[in-house]
Amino acid sequence: MATAKTTTLTFRIEPGLKEALRAAAVREHRSIANMVEVLIRDYCGRNDISIPEQGAPAVTSKSVAARRTRSR
């Protein structure tokens, strides 16, 4: 099973918020990065914001051309 690609997100945050995030991560037995992901997914779920699926094949003109060639 291939590992999904990730991207880096860098931002500044107040020290108190960072400490609260760290405490939440410790409580949930998660890394800080994973805790941020969980919080974002929870927010999006509660506010009807769709998250594109990871690993979904991108439709490009190259992939369409390759399918045409294979089907001949």
N, C-alpha and C. Protein backbone atom coordinates (compact mmCIF):
# COMPACT_ATOMS: atom_id res chain seq x y z
N MET A 1 0.85 -1.18 0.00
CA MET A 1 0.00 0.00 0.00
C MET A 1 0.88 1.23 0.00
N ALA A 2 0.68 2.13 -0.94
CA ALA A 2 1.49 3.33 -1.05
C ALA A 2 1.07 4.36 0.00
N THR A 3 2.06 5.09 0.48
CA THR A 3 1.79 6.15 1.43
C THR A 3 1.35 7.39 0.67
N ALA A 4 0.30 8.03 1.15
CA ALA A 4 -0.22 9.23 0.50
C ALA A 4 0.76 10.38 0.70
N LYS A 5 0.88 11.22 -0.31
CA LYS A 5 1.75 12.39 -0.20
C LYS A 5 1.12 13.40 0.75
N THR A 6 1.97 14.14 1.42
CA THR A 6 1.50 15.18 2.33
C THR A 6 2.13 16.50 1.91
N THR A 7 1.67 17.56 2.49
CA THR A 7 2.22 18.88 2.23
C THR A 7 2.52 19.54 3.56
N THR A 8 3.40 20.51 3.54
CA THR A 8 3.80 21.20 4.76
C THR A 8 2.96 22.46 4.96
N LEU A 9 2.57 22.70 6.19
CA LEU A 9 1.82 23.90 6.56
C LEU A 9 2.58 24.56 7.70
N THR A 10 3.00 25.78 7.51
CA THR A 10 3.75 26.51 8.53
C THR A 10 2.97 27.77 8.89
N PHE A 11 2.75 27.98 10.19
CA PHE A 11 2.04 29.18 10.61
C PHE A 11 2.47 29.55 12.02
N ARG A 12 2.23 30.79 12.37
CA ARG A 12 2.54 31.29 13.72
C ARG A 12 1.26 31.25 14.55
N ILE A 13 1.44 30.98 15.83
CA ILE A 13 0.31 30.86 16.74
C ILE A 13 0.72 31.39 18.11
N GLU A 14 -0.22 31.92 18.85
CA GLU A 14 0.07 32.41 20.19
C GLU A 14 0.56 31.26 21.06
N PRO A 15 1.52 31.52 21.94
CA PRO A 15 2.05 30.45 22.80
C PRO A 15 0.98 29.72 23.60
N GLY A 16 -0.02 30.44 24.09
CA GLY A 16 -1.09 29.80 24.86
C GLY A 16 -1.90 28.83 24.03
N LEU A 17 -2.16 29.19 22.77
CA LEU A 17 -2.90 28.29 21.88
C LEU A 17 -2.06 27.06 21.55
N LYS A 18 -0.75 27.27 21.37
CA LYS A 18 0.12 26.13 21.08
C LYS A 18 0.14 25.17 22.27
N GLU A 19 0.17 25.71 23.47
CA GLU A 19 0.18 24.85 24.66
C GLU A 19 -1.15 24.10 24.78
N ALA A 20 -2.25 24.76 24.47
CA ALA A 20 -3.55 24.09 24.50
C ALA A 20 -3.60 22.98 23.45
N LEU A 21 -3.05 23.24 22.27
CA LEU A 21 -2.99 22.23 21.22
C LEU A 21 -2.13 21.06 21.66
N ARG A 22 -0.99 21.35 22.28
CA ARG A 22 -0.10 20.28 22.76
C ARG A 22 -0.81 19.44 23.82
N ALA A 23 -1.54 20.10 24.73
CA ALA A 23 -2.26 19.38 25.78
C ALA A 23 -3.36 18.50 25.18
N ALA A 24 -4.06 19.01 24.17
CA ALA A 24 -5.10 18.22 23.50
C ALA A 24 -4.48 17.01 22.80
N ALA A 25 -3.34 17.22 22.16
CA ALA A 25 -2.66 16.12 21.46
C ALA A 25 -2.21 15.05 22.44
N VAL A 26 -1.66 15.46 23.56
CA VAL A 26 -1.23 14.50 24.59
C VAL A 26 -2.43 13.71 25.11
N ARG A 27 -3.51 14.40 25.38
CA ARG A 27 -4.73 13.75 25.89
C ARG A 27 -5.26 12.70 24.91
N GLU A 28 -5.15 12.99 23.61
CA GLU A 28 -5.65 12.09 22.57
C GLU A 28 -4.59 11.09 22.07
N HIS A 29 -3.39 11.16 22.66
CA HIS A 29 -2.28 10.30 22.23
C HIS A 29 -1.97 10.49 20.74
N ARG A 30 -1.89 11.75 20.34
CA ARG A 30 -1.63 12.12 18.95
C ARG A 30 -0.43 13.06 18.88
N SER A 31 0.15 13.17 17.68
CA SER A 31 1.15 14.20 17.47
C SER A 31 0.42 15.53 17.30
N ILE A 32 1.15 16.61 17.42
CA ILE A 32 0.54 17.92 17.23
C ILE A 32 0.01 18.04 15.80
N ALA A 33 0.79 17.57 14.81
CA ALA A 33 0.36 17.64 13.41
C ALA A 33 -0.93 16.85 13.20
N ASN A 34 -1.01 15.65 13.79
CA ASN A 34 -2.21 14.84 13.62
C ASN A 34 -3.39 15.48 14.34
N MET A 35 -3.14 16.12 15.48
CA MET A 35 -4.22 16.79 16.21
C MET A 35 -4.78 17.94 15.38
N VAL A 36 -3.91 18.70 14.71
CA VAL A 36 -4.37 19.79 13.84
C VAL A 36 -5.24 19.21 12.72
N GLU A 37 -4.79 18.09 12.12
CA GLU A 37 -5.58 17.46 11.05
C GLU A 37 -6.95 17.03 11.56
N VAL A 38 -7.00 16.42 12.73
CA VAL A 38 -8.27 15.98 13.31
C VAL A 38 -9.19 17.18 13.55
N LEU A 39 -8.64 18.26 14.07
CA LEU A 39 -9.44 19.46 14.33
C LEU A 39 -9.99 20.06 13.03
N ILE A 40 -9.16 20.09 11.99
CA ILE A 40 -9.62 20.62 10.70
C ILE A 40 -10.71 19.74 10.12
N ARG A 41 -10.51 18.41 10.16
CA ARG A 41 -11.52 17.49 9.63
C ARG A 41 -12.84 17.61 10.41
N ASP A 42 -12.74 17.77 11.72
CA ASP A 42 -13.94 17.94 12.54
C ASP A 42 -14.66 19.23 12.17
N TYR A 43 -13.93 20.31 12.04
CA TYR A 43 -14.53 21.59 11.66
C TYR A 43 -15.22 21.49 10.31
N CYS A 44 -14.52 20.90 9.34
CA CYS A 44 -15.09 20.77 8.00
C CYS A 44 -16.35 19.91 8.02
N GLY A 45 -16.34 18.84 8.79
CA GLY A 45 -17.51 17.97 8.90
C GLY A 45 -18.71 18.69 9.50
N ARG A 46 -18.46 19.51 10.51
CA ARG A 46 -19.55 20.24 11.16
C ARG A 46 -20.07 21.40 10.33
N ASN A 47 -19.26 21.86 9.36
CA ASN A 47 -19.64 23.04 8.57
C ASN A 47 -19.84 22.73 7.10
N ASP A 48 -20.07 21.46 6.79
CA ASP A 48 -20.38 21.02 5.43
C ASP A 48 -19.35 21.50 4.40
N ILE A 49 -18.08 21.36 4.74
CA ILE A 49 -16.99 21.68 3.83
C ILE A 49 -16.38 20.36 3.38
N SER A 50 -16.40 20.11 2.07
CA SER A 50 -15.89 18.83 1.59
C SER A 50 -14.37 18.87 1.54
N ILE A 51 -13.77 17.72 1.81
CA ILE A 51 -12.33 17.54 1.74
C ILE A 51 -12.06 16.60 0.57
N PRO A 52 -11.31 17.05 -0.44
CA PRO A 52 -11.02 16.17 -1.58
C PRO A 52 -10.33 14.89 -1.11
N GLU A 53 -10.70 13.76 -1.71
CA GLU A 53 -10.09 12.48 -1.33
C GLU A 53 -8.64 12.43 -1.76
N GLN A 54 -7.80 11.91 -0.88
CA GLN A 54 -6.40 11.72 -1.22
C GLN A 54 -6.27 10.47 -2.05
N GLY A 55 -5.39 10.48 -3.02
CA GLY A 55 -5.16 9.30 -3.83
C GLY A 55 -6.14 9.13 -4.96
N ALA A 56 -7.12 10.02 -5.08
CA ALA A 56 -8.05 9.93 -6.20
C ALA A 56 -7.27 10.27 -7.46
N PRO A 57 -7.41 9.47 -8.51
CA PRO A 57 -6.62 9.74 -9.71
C PRO A 57 -7.02 11.06 -10.35
N ALA A 58 -6.01 11.82 -10.70
CA ALA A 58 -6.27 13.11 -11.35
C ALA A 58 -6.55 12.84 -12.82
N VAL A 59 -7.53 13.52 -13.35
CA VAL A 59 -7.88 13.38 -14.76
C VAL A 59 -7.12 14.47 -15.51
N THR A 60 -6.18 14.04 -16.32
CA THR A 60 -5.39 14.97 -17.13
C THR A 60 -5.51 14.56 -18.58
N SER A 61 -5.12 15.44 -19.46
CA SER A 61 -5.17 15.10 -20.89
C SER A 61 -4.25 13.93 -21.18
N LYS A 62 -3.14 13.82 -20.45
CA LYS A 62 -2.20 12.72 -20.64
C LYS A 62 -2.84 11.39 -20.23
N SER A 63 -3.55 11.36 -19.08
CA SER A 63 -4.17 10.12 -18.64
C SER A 63 -5.32 9.72 -19.56
N VAL A 64 -6.05 10.70 -20.09
CA VAL A 64 -7.13 10.40 -21.02
C VAL A 64 -6.55 9.81 -22.30
N ALA A 65 -5.47 10.39 -22.80
CA ALA A 65 -4.80 9.89 -24.02
C ALA A 65 -4.29 8.47 -23.80
N ALA A 66 -3.74 8.19 -22.63
CA ALA A 66 -3.23 6.85 -22.33
C ALA A 66 -4.37 5.83 -22.32
N ARG A 67 -5.53 6.20 -21.77
CA ARG A 67 -6.68 5.30 -21.77
C ARG A 67 -7.16 5.02 -23.19
N ARG A 68 -7.16 6.03 -24.03
CA ARG A 68 -7.58 5.86 -25.42
C ARG A 68 -6.66 4.89 -26.14
N THR A 69 -5.36 5.04 -25.90
CA THR A 69 -4.37 4.17 -26.57
C THR A 69 -4.55 2.73 -26.12
N ARG A 70 -4.78 2.50 -24.83
CA ARG A 70 -4.94 1.13 -24.33
C ARG A 70 -6.21 0.48 -24.83
N SER A 71 -7.26 1.26 -25.07
CA SER A 71 -8.54 0.68 -25.47
C SER A 71 -8.60 0.34 -26.95
N ARG A 72 -7.61 0.71 -27.72
CA ARG A 72 -7.62 0.43 -29.16
C ARG A 72 -7.22 -0.97 -29.45
